[in-house]
Amino acid sequence: MYENLRLFFAEIPLFSRFLQAELASIVPPNAGPDELKQARLEAQRKVSSSLKENKELYAVISFPDSTWTCPHCGEEIAGAYWELNNPVAAKGMSVPLKLFHLFLDHGEIECLEPIHNLNGNSVGEALLTLDLEGLFKVMKGAWLPDGVKAEIEEGL
């Protein structure tokens, strides 16, 4: 289910990669702190403008130092949240990276998340469900392949 969407999501680029590429092209050698700050701001403006102009979605991984190991495939996943952003609609939505990985790699749209108190003791678990309708709303106005559009229309 949602094969085209899963493939499409897997290809959505990370904002940080765009930013790194742009910075590499504009940061002068031996740049000082002020020059680096200006270059970063200029790179953010250029990248944001280009993404909006091309109606491209982009993603951000939050808390990349946080890791989780998938019980299905054993892959170690870095990050806590995957955030989909649409610069055209100025909308975004965060999804727990654990749930996003399970959707992309294993086709699952639900998972159990353990709940711990401040002492680290388990106090239960919560059922997380991927909000596909919310993600579809964020994607409105962005360029989407035909197969993805069809799956979205079928899913709503």
Foldseek 3Di string as FASTA:
>chain_A
DLLQVLVVVVPAAAPVVQLVVQLVVPQDPPDDPVSSVVSSVVSVVVSLVVCQVQLGKHKHFAQQCDWDADPPPRDIGGGQWIKIAGSNVRDIDIDGVNQSCCCNPPVDQKDWAFDADPVRDTDGIDIGGHPVVVVVVRSPPGDDDPVNVVVSVVVD
